[in-house]
């Protein structure tokens, strides 16, 4: 029988942030955010090992002192993907999951869902997730990335803009926008290890620079991204105000 693939989940966590310095250690109902992300990731059924990749000893100590595994990485990385690639390079794994370090309510089901295409199809190099946009203000929100896929669930494009552009409906006004084709992209990725090494070595691409979306580098180099639909959303923390939102959500949905 074939052996189960080794799935390494890596959570990049850097100290510096222009809007929220020290964000990974922000307290959420008394627990550091990075610890909450780590615990949610450990609940995923497919994950073999969880590592926090950081550039700061304070984050390292909090993770290691709370039963997790953290490793120091270079402070010079320009992206979380580069940080993950450094951690992954010499580790024994088949699939690598990039879990955002600022999503303390990360649904474990989403981690299992994003890994599934790589387990089921050896030709799949990278996968991500999308969720249907039901609120029009999310469609217009420039902080939310949208994705358009083909009939095989492969990404056609990612943008902060409201894509696809319904020319007729927009001309009539927002109330005419009823298409079920608008999807929010969730920044959770699963890569084959070999592809991650190749991807991290690629130069920045024109659309990536313009849109400020790293995943466009994959598309611009001709590689497909499988984008699976999920029903489980995830809330990111971009500011201290977002912590209050998370804490309210925790109060409504007590942890197991």
C-alpha atoms as a PDB file:
ATOM      1  CA  UNK A   1       0.000   0.000   0.000  1.00  0.00           C
ATOM      2  CA  UNK A   2       1.262   3.542  -0.750  1.00  0.00           C
ATOM      3  CA  UNK A   3       2.389   5.486   2.278  1.00  0.00           C
ATOM      4  CA  UNK A   4       0.503   8.588   3.371  1.00  0.00           C
ATOM      5  CA  UNK A   5       2.237  11.800   2.278  1.00  0.00           C
ATOM      6  CA  UNK A   6       4.022  13.778   4.968  1.00  0.00           C
ATOM      7  CA  UNK A   7       2.246  17.120   5.265  1.00  0.00           C
ATOM      8  CA  UNK A   8       4.194  19.944   6.874  1.00  0.00           C
ATOM      9  CA  UNK A   9       2.199  23.006   7.925  1.00  0.00           C
ATOM     10  CA  UNK A  10       4.317  26.143   8.259  1.00  0.00           C
ATOM     11  CA  UNK A  11       3.020  29.322   9.895  1.00  0.00           C
ATOM     12  CA  UNK A  12       5.121  32.384   9.001  1.00  0.00           C
ATOM     13  CA  UNK A  13       5.176  34.913  11.842  1.00  0.00           C
ATOM     14  CA  UNK A  14       7.282  38.064  11.681  1.00  0.00           C
ATOM     15  CA  UNK A  15       7.450  40.743  14.326  1.00  0.00           C
ATOM     16  CA  UNK A  16       7.618  43.826  12.118  1.00  0.00           C
ATOM     17  CA  UNK A  17       4.370  45.222  10.751  1.00  0.00           C
ATOM     18  CA  UNK A  18       3.711  48.766   9.648  1.00  0.00           C
ATOM     19  CA  UNK A  19       0.141  48.657  10.937  1.00  0.00           C
ATOM     20  CA  UNK A  20       0.484  46.295  13.895  1.00  0.00           C
ATOM     21  CA  UNK A  21       4.011  45.598  15.226  1.00  0.00           C
ATOM     22  CA  UNK A  22       4.248  42.435  17.318  1.00  0.00           C
ATOM     23  CA  UNK A  23       0.936  41.166  15.960  1.00  0.00           C
ATOM     24  CA  UNK A  24       1.722  37.434  16.402  1.00  0.00           C
ATOM     25  CA  UNK A  25       1.889  37.895  20.181  1.00  0.00           C
ATOM     26  CA  UNK A  26      -1.258  40.003  20.450  1.00  0.00           C
ATOM     27  CA  UNK A  27      -3.488  38.606  23.191  1.00  0.00           C
ATOM     28  CA  UNK A  28      -6.840  37.210  22.087  1.00  0.00           C
ATOM     29  CA  UNK A  29      -8.968  36.350  25.102  1.00  0.00           C
ATOM     30  CA  UNK A  30      -5.753  35.805  27.068  1.00  0.00           C
ATOM     31  CA  UNK A  31      -3.940  33.625  24.522  1.00  0.00           C
ATOM     32  CA  UNK A  32      -1.267  34.864  22.060  1.00  0.00           C
ATOM     33  CA  UNK A  33      -2.568  34.898  18.507  1.00  0.00           C
ATOM     34  CA  UNK A  34       0.234  32.719  17.141  1.00  0.00           C
ATOM     35  CA  UNK A  35      -0.603  30.052  19.719  1.00  0.00           C
ATOM     36  CA  UNK A  36      -4.234  30.063  18.609  1.00  0.00           C
ATOM     37  CA  UNK A  37      -3.230  29.672  14.956  1.00  0.00           C
ATOM     38  CA  UNK A  38      -0.890  26.836  15.884  1.00  0.00           C
ATOM     39  CA  UNK A  39      -3.596  25.005  17.857  1.00  0.00           C
ATOM     40  CA  UNK A  40      -6.112  25.314  15.022  1.00  0.00           C
ATOM     41  CA  UNK A  41      -3.564  23.985  12.545  1.00  0.00           C
ATOM     42  CA  UNK A  42      -2.765  20.996  14.748  1.00  0.00           C
ATOM     43  CA  UNK A  43      -6.442  19.980  14.592  1.00  0.00           C
ATOM     44  CA  UNK A  44      -6.240  19.302  10.845  1.00  0.00           C
ATOM     45  CA  UNK A  45      -6.398  15.562  10.190  1.00  0.00           C
ATOM     46  CA  UNK A  46      -3.924  15.581   7.302  1.00  0.00           C
ATOM     47  CA  UNK A  47      -1.096  17.475   8.993  1.00  0.00           C
ATOM     48  CA  UNK A  48       1.969  15.514  10.088  1.00  0.00           C
ATOM     49  CA  UNK A  49       3.945  18.380  11.617  1.00  0.00           C
ATOM     50  CA  UNK A  50       3.387  22.076  12.443  1.00  0.00           C
ATOM     51  CA  UNK A  51       6.210  24.629  12.527  1.00  0.00           C
ATOM     52  CA  UNK A  52       6.143  28.359  13.201  1.00  0.00           C
ATOM     53  CA  UNK A  53       8.722  30.190  11.073  1.00  0.00           C
ATOM     54  CA  UNK A  54       9.738  33.470  12.687  1.00  0.00           C
ATOM     55  CA  UNK A  55      12.405  36.160  12.658  1.00  0.00           C
ATOM     56  CA  UNK A  56      12.037  37.142  16.319  1.00  0.00           C
ATOM     57  CA  UNK A  57      13.161  35.393  19.499  1.00  0.00           C
ATOM     58  CA  UNK A  58      10.113  36.619  21.430  1.00  0.00           C
ATOM     59  CA  UNK A  59       7.787  34.721  19.106  1.00  0.00           C
ATOM     60  CA  UNK A  60      10.136  31.722  19.144  1.00  0.00           C
ATOM     61  CA  UNK A  61      10.051  31.534  22.943  1.00  0.00           C
ATOM     62  CA  UNK A  62       6.273  31.861  23.241  1.00  0.00           C
ATOM     63  CA  UNK A  63       5.675  29.055  20.734  1.00  0.00           C
ATOM     64  CA  UNK A  64       8.291  26.688  22.165  1.00  0.00           C
ATOM     65  CA  UNK A  65       7.196  27.395  25.751  1.00  0.00           C
ATOM     66  CA  UNK A  66       3.614  26.474  24.867  1.00  0.00           C
ATOM     67  CA  UNK A  67       4.307  23.049  23.404  1.00  0.00           C
ATOM     68  CA  UNK A  68       4.845  24.103  19.804  1.00  0.00           C
ATOM     69  CA  UNK A  69       7.822  24.074  17.465  1.00  0.00           C
ATOM     70  CA  UNK A  70       9.277  27.335  16.191  1.00  0.00           C
ATOM     71  CA  UNK A  71      12.418  27.949  14.169  1.00  0.00           C
ATOM     72  CA  UNK A  72      14.352  31.119  13.452  1.00  0.00           C
ATOM     73  CA  UNK A  73      14.577  32.285   9.851  1.00  0.00           C
ATOM     74  CA  UNK A  74      16.279  35.143   8.061  1.00  0.00           C
ATOM     75  CA  UNK A  75      14.922  38.623   8.730  1.00  0.00           C
ATOM     76  CA  UNK A  76      15.538  39.574   5.102  1.00  0.00           C
ATOM     77  CA  UNK A  77      12.727  37.603   3.461  1.00  0.00           C
ATOM     78  CA  UNK A  78      10.392  39.704   1.350  1.00  0.00           C
ATOM     79  CA  UNK A  79       7.454  37.311   1.666  1.00  0.00           C
ATOM     80  CA  UNK A  80       6.011  34.576   3.807  1.00  0.00           C
ATOM     81  CA  UNK A  81       6.583  32.135   0.961  1.00  0.00           C
ATOM     82  CA  UNK A  82      10.334  32.785   1.075  1.00  0.00           C
ATOM     83  CA  UNK A  83      10.306  32.204   4.832  1.00  0.00           C
ATOM     84  CA  UNK A  84       8.426  28.939   4.378  1.00  0.00           C
ATOM     85  CA  UNK A  85      10.809  27.786   1.655  1.00  0.00           C
ATOM     86  CA  UNK A  86      13.789  28.309   3.990  1.00  0.00           C
ATOM     87  CA  UNK A  87      12.181  26.145   6.667  1.00  0.00           C
ATOM     88  CA  UNK A  88      11.064  23.468   4.232  1.00  0.00           C
ATOM     89  CA  UNK A  89      14.238  23.041   2.173  1.00  0.00           C
ATOM     90  CA  UNK A  90      15.954  20.478   4.430  1.00  0.00           C
ATOM     91  CA  UNK A  91      12.869  18.863   5.951  1.00  0.00           C
ATOM     92  CA  UNK A  92      11.391  15.479   5.162  1.00  0.00           C
ATOM     93  CA  UNK A  93       7.969  16.247   3.733  1.00  0.00           C
ATOM     94  CA  UNK A  94       5.937  15.812   0.554  1.00  0.00           C
ATOM     95  CA  UNK A  95       3.364  18.601   0.869  1.00  0.00           C
ATOM     96  CA  UNK A  96       3.748  22.007   2.496  1.00  0.00           C
ATOM     97  CA  UNK A  97       0.817  24.081   3.741  1.00  0.00           C
ATOM     98  CA  UNK A  98       1.222  27.833   4.167  1.00  0.00           C
ATOM     99  CA  UNK A  99      -1.058  28.836   7.064  1.00  0.00           C
ATOM    100  CA  UNK A 100      -1.438  32.572   7.635  1.00  0.00           C
ATOM    101  CA  UNK A 101      -0.175  33.556  11.073  1.00  0.00           C
ATOM    102  CA  UNK A 102      -2.877  36.179  11.583  1.00  0.00           C
ATOM    103  CA  UNK A 103      -5.954  33.968  11.282  1.00  0.00           C
ATOM    104  CA  UNK A 104      -6.590  32.687  14.831  1.00  0.00           C
ATOM    105  CA  UNK A 105      -9.927  31.103  13.879  1.00  0.00           C
ATOM    106  CA  UNK A 106      -8.505  29.133  10.948  1.00  0.00           C
ATOM    107  CA  UNK A 107     -10.948  26.249  10.316  1.00  0.00           C
ATOM    108  CA  UNK A 108      -9.011  22.946  10.403  1.00  0.00           C
ATOM    109  CA  UNK A 109     -11.432  21.680   7.741  1.00  0.00           C
ATOM    110  CA  UNK A 110      -9.967  24.204   5.304  1.00  0.00           C
ATOM    111  CA  UNK A 111      -6.477  22.841   5.812  1.00  0.00           C
ATOM    112  CA  UNK A 112      -7.666  19.323   5.043  1.00  0.00           C
ATOM    113  CA  UNK A 113      -9.612  20.641   2.048  1.00  0.00           C
ATOM    114  CA  UNK A 114      -6.669  22.507   0.504  1.00  0.00           C
ATOM    115  CA  UNK A 115      -4.379  19.474   0.817  1.00  0.00           C
ATOM    116  CA  UNK A 116      -6.888  17.025  -0.672  1.00  0.00           C
ATOM    117  CA  UNK A 117      -6.271  17.865  -4.381  1.00  0.00           C
ATOM    118  CA  UNK A 118      -2.536  17.189  -3.986  1.00  0.00           C
ATOM    119  CA  UNK A 119      -3.219  13.830  -2.347  1.00  0.00           C
ATOM    120  CA  UNK A 120      -5.767  12.778  -4.962  1.00  0.00           C
ATOM    121  CA  UNK A 121      -3.959  14.000  -8.092  1.00  0.00           C
ATOM    122  CA  UNK A 122      -0.199  13.727  -8.515  1.00  0.00           C
ATOM    123  CA  UNK A 123      -0.281  16.376 -11.259  1.00  0.00           C
ATOM    124  CA  UNK A 124      -1.580  19.092  -8.903  1.00  0.00           C
ATOM    125  CA  UNK A 125       1.315  21.308  -7.838  1.00  0.00           C
ATOM    126  CA  UNK A 126      -0.434  23.933  -5.745  1.00  0.00           C
ATOM    127  CA  UNK A 127      -3.913  24.454  -4.345  1.00  0.00           C
ATOM    128  CA  UNK A 128      -5.787  27.216  -2.576  1.00  0.00           C
ATOM    129  CA  UNK A 129      -9.363  28.026  -1.493  1.00  0.00           C
ATOM    130  CA  UNK A 130     -12.216  30.330  -2.407  1.00  0.00           C
ATOM    131  CA  UNK A 131     -15.571  31.189  -0.823  1.00  0.00           C
ATOM    132  CA  UNK A 132     -18.665  32.688  -2.432  1.00  0.00           C
ATOM    133  CA  UNK A 133     -19.102  36.419  -1.854  1.00  0.00           C
ATOM    134  CA  UNK A 134     -22.581  37.055  -0.467  1.00  0.00           C
ATOM    135  CA  UNK A 135     -22.190  40.663   0.658  1.00  0.00           C
ATOM    136  CA  UNK A 136     -21.694  43.290  -2.044  1.00  0.00           C
ATOM    137  CA  UNK A 137     -19.545  45.431   0.212  1.00  0.00           C
ATOM    138  CA  UNK A 138     -16.984  42.597   0.196  1.00  0.00           C
ATOM    139  CA  UNK A 139     -16.975  42.707  -3.590  1.00  0.00           C
ATOM    140  CA  UNK A 140     -16.082  46.404  -3.497  1.00  0.00           C
ATOM    141  CA  UNK A 141     -13.612  46.061  -0.607  1.00  0.00           C
ATOM    142  CA  UNK A 142     -10.075  46.678  -1.883  1.00  0.00           C
ATOM    143  CA  UNK A 143      -8.626  44.707   1.035  1.00  0.00           C
ATOM    144  CA  UNK A 144     -10.307  41.506  -0.151  1.00  0.00           C
ATOM    145  CA  UNK A 145      -8.741  39.479  -2.947  1.00  0.00           C
ATOM    146  CA  UNK A 146     -11.110  38.029  -5.524  1.00  0.00           C
ATOM    147  CA  UNK A 147     -10.480  35.042  -7.767  1.00  0.00           C
ATOM    148  CA  UNK A 148     -11.966  33.827 -11.050  1.00  0.00           C
ATOM    149  CA  UNK A 149     -11.703  30.138 -11.932  1.00  0.00           C
ATOM    150  CA  UNK A 150     -12.377  27.979 -14.978  1.00  0.00           C
ATOM    151  CA  UNK A 151     -14.750  25.006 -15.047  1.00  0.00           C
ATOM    152  CA  UNK A 152     -11.969  22.777 -13.697  1.00  0.00           C
ATOM    153  CA  UNK A 153     -11.473  24.995 -10.600  1.00  0.00           C
ATOM    154  CA  UNK A 154      -8.147  26.312 -11.876  1.00  0.00           C
ATOM    155  CA  UNK A 155      -7.480  29.992 -11.253  1.00  0.00           C
ATOM    156  CA  UNK A 156      -7.808  32.341 -14.206  1.00  0.00           C
ATOM    157  CA  UNK A 157      -6.883  35.478 -12.274  1.00  0.00           C
ATOM    158  CA  UNK A 158      -6.653  37.095  -8.845  1.00  0.00           C
ATOM    159  CA  UNK A 159      -7.260  40.772  -8.089  1.00  0.00           C
ATOM    160  CA  UNK A 160      -8.363  43.230  -5.419  1.00  0.00           C
ATOM    161  CA  UNK A 161     -10.727  44.582  -8.076  1.00  0.00           C
ATOM    162  CA  UNK A 162     -14.309  43.210  -8.373  1.00  0.00           C
ATOM    163  CA  UNK A 163     -13.711  40.463 -10.917  1.00  0.00           C
ATOM    164  CA  UNK A 164     -15.407  39.253 -13.029  1.00  0.00           C
ATOM    165  CA  UNK A 165     -16.693  42.645 -14.158  1.00  0.00           C
ATOM    166  CA  UNK A 166     -20.430  42.446 -14.887  1.00  0.00           C
ATOM    167  CA  UNK A 167     -20.591  45.335 -17.328  1.00  0.00           C
ATOM    168  CA  UNK A 168     -24.365  45.499 -17.674  1.00  0.00           C
ATOM    169  CA  UNK A 169     -25.165  45.056 -13.993  1.00  0.00           C
ATOM    170  CA  UNK A 170     -22.654  47.654 -12.813  1.00  0.00           C
ATOM    171  CA  UNK A 171     -24.128  50.197 -15.213  1.00  0.00           C
ATOM    172  CA  UNK A 172     -27.568  49.654 -13.651  1.00  0.00           C
ATOM    173  CA  UNK A 173     -26.327  49.969 -10.078  1.00  0.00           C
ATOM    174  CA  UNK A 174     -25.093  47.648  -7.294  1.00  0.00           C
ATOM    175  CA  UNK A 175     -28.603  46.288  -6.607  1.00  0.00           C
ATOM    176  CA  UNK A 176     -28.470  44.537  -9.990  1.00  0.00           C
ATOM    177  CA  UNK A 177     -25.417  42.488  -9.021  1.00  0.00           C
ATOM    178  CA  UNK A 178     -26.720  38.969  -8.459  1.00  0.00           C
ATOM    179  CA  UNK A 179     -24.082  36.770 -10.117  1.00  0.00           C
ATOM    180  CA  UNK A 180     -22.948  33.638  -8.209  1.00  0.00           C
ATOM    181  CA  UNK A 181     -19.527  33.959  -9.819  1.00  0.00           C
ATOM    182  CA  UNK A 182     -17.830  36.318  -7.371  1.00  0.00           C
ATOM    183  CA  UNK A 183     -15.468  34.571  -5.022  1.00  0.00           C
ATOM    184  CA  UNK A 184     -13.230  35.755  -2.222  1.00  0.00           C
ATOM    185  CA  UNK A 185      -9.802  34.158  -2.235  1.00  0.00           C
ATOM    186  CA  UNK A 186      -8.672  32.670   1.073  1.00  0.00           C
ATOM    187  CA  UNK A 187      -4.908  32.927   1.511  1.00  0.00           C
ATOM    188  CA  UNK A 188      -4.304  29.305   2.418  1.00  0.00           C
ATOM    189  CA  UNK A 189      -1.981  27.319   0.127  1.00  0.00           C
ATOM    190  CA  UNK A 190      -0.777  23.749  -0.215  1.00  0.00           C
ATOM    191  CA  UNK A 191       2.319  23.067  -2.351  1.00  0.00           C
ATOM    192  CA  UNK A 192       4.277  20.045  -3.401  1.00  0.00           C
ATOM    193  CA  UNK A 193       7.645  20.546  -1.788  1.00  0.00           C
ATOM    194  CA  UNK A 194       9.568  20.435  -5.062  1.00  0.00           C
ATOM    195  CA  UNK A 195       7.271  23.003  -6.624  1.00  0.00           C
ATOM    196  CA  UNK A 196       7.591  25.317  -3.614  1.00  0.00           C
ATOM    197  CA  UNK A 197      11.371  25.283  -4.041  1.00  0.00           C
ATOM    198  CA  UNK A 198      10.991  26.123  -7.742  1.00  0.00           C
ATOM    199  CA  UNK A 199       8.383  28.816  -7.118  1.00  0.00           C
ATOM    200  CA  UNK A 200      10.384  30.600  -4.422  1.00  0.00           C
ATOM    201  CA  UNK A 201      13.340  30.856  -6.807  1.00  0.00           C
ATOM    202  CA  UNK A 202      11.319  32.572  -9.555  1.00  0.00           C
ATOM    203  CA  UNK A 203      11.759  36.280 -10.176  1.00  0.00           C
ATOM    204  CA  UNK A 204       8.946  38.717  -9.441  1.00  0.00           C
ATOM    205  CA  UNK A 205       6.579  39.158 -12.381  1.00  0.00           C
ATOM    206  CA  UNK A 206       4.874  42.265 -13.830  1.00  0.00           C
ATOM    207  CA  UNK A 207       1.315  41.459 -12.742  1.00  0.00           C
ATOM    208  CA  UNK A 208       2.522  40.382  -9.310  1.00  0.00           C
ATOM    209  CA  UNK A 209       4.226  43.759  -8.878  1.00  0.00           C
ATOM    210  CA  UNK A 210       1.197  45.670 -10.136  1.00  0.00           C
ATOM    211  CA  UNK A 211      -1.469  43.858  -8.109  1.00  0.00           C
ATOM    212  CA  UNK A 212       0.792  43.190  -5.103  1.00  0.00           C
ATOM    213  CA  UNK A 213      -0.408  39.574  -5.179  1.00  0.00           C
ATOM    214  CA  UNK A 214       2.346  36.992  -4.921  1.00  0.00           C
ATOM    215  CA  UNK A 215       0.295  34.111  -6.338  1.00  0.00           C
ATOM    216  CA  UNK A 216       0.178  35.816  -9.748  1.00  0.00           C
ATOM    217  CA  UNK A 217       3.837  34.838 -10.153  1.00  0.00           C
ATOM    218  CA  UNK A 218       2.664  31.226 -10.399  1.00  0.00           C
ATOM    219  CA  UNK A 219       0.106  31.987 -13.110  1.00  0.00           C
ATOM    220  CA  UNK A 220       2.462  34.250 -15.047  1.00  0.00           C
ATOM    221  CA  UNK A 221       4.984  31.431 -15.229  1.00  0.00           C
ATOM    222  CA  UNK A 222       2.378  29.085 -16.690  1.00  0.00           C
ATOM    223  CA  UNK A 223       1.633  26.922 -13.644  1.00  0.00           C
ATOM    224  CA  UNK A 224      -2.000  26.166 -12.713  1.00  0.00           C
ATOM    225  CA  UNK A 225      -3.431  26.803  -9.248  1.00  0.00           C
ATOM    226  CA  UNK A 226      -6.312  24.595  -8.148  1.00  0.00           C
ATOM    227  CA  UNK A 227      -8.758  26.759  -6.168  1.00  0.00           C
ATOM    228  CA  UNK A 228     -11.268  24.643  -4.261  1.00  0.00           C
ATOM    229  CA  UNK A 229     -14.525  26.108  -2.981  1.00  0.00           C
ATOM    230  CA  UNK A 230     -15.152  26.015   0.756  1.00  0.00           C
ATOM    231  CA  UNK A 231     -18.043  27.022   3.000  1.00  0.00           C
ATOM    232  CA  UNK A 232     -15.788  27.925   5.920  1.00  0.00           C
ATOM    233  CA  UNK A 233     -14.557  31.512   6.011  1.00  0.00           C
ATOM    234  CA  UNK A 234     -11.618  32.750   8.055  1.00  0.00           C
ATOM    235  CA  UNK A 235     -11.130  36.136   9.709  1.00  0.00           C
ATOM    236  CA  UNK A 236      -7.738  37.813   9.501  1.00  0.00           C
ATOM    237  CA  UNK A 237      -6.306  40.289  12.000  1.00  0.00           C
ATOM    238  CA  UNK A 238      -4.978  43.437  10.335  1.00  0.00           C
ATOM    239  CA  UNK A 239      -5.406  45.849  13.254  1.00  0.00           C
ATOM    240  CA  UNK A 240      -6.055  45.885  16.976  1.00  0.00           C
ATOM    241  CA  UNK A 241      -9.734  46.565  16.255  1.00  0.00           C
ATOM    242  CA  UNK A 242      -9.973  43.174  14.541  1.00  0.00           C
ATOM    243  CA  UNK A 243      -9.082  41.454  17.807  1.00  0.00           C
ATOM    244  CA  UNK A 244     -12.386  42.607  19.309  1.00  0.00           C
ATOM    245  CA  UNK A 245     -14.194  41.007  16.372  1.00  0.00           C
ATOM    246  CA  UNK A 246     -12.337  37.738  16.935  1.00  0.00           C
ATOM    247  CA  UNK A 247     -13.078  37.762  20.658  1.00  0.00           C
ATOM    248  CA  UNK A 248     -16.783  38.306  19.988  1.00  0.00           C
ATOM    249  CA  UNK A 249     -16.732  35.368  17.584  1.00  0.00           C
ATOM    250  CA  UNK A 250     -15.048  33.198  20.211  1.00  0.00           C
ATOM    251  CA  UNK A 251     -17.687  34.182  22.751  1.00  0.00           C
ATOM    252  CA  UNK A 252     -20.455  33.139  20.335  1.00  0.00           C
ATOM    253  CA  UNK A 253     -18.711  29.891  19.361  1.00  0.00           C
ATOM    254  CA  UNK A 254     -16.861  28.510  22.407  1.00  0.00           C
ATOM    255  CA  UNK A 255     -13.839  26.351  21.635  1.00  0.00           C
ATOM    256  CA  UNK A 256     -13.921  22.597  22.053  1.00  0.00           C
END
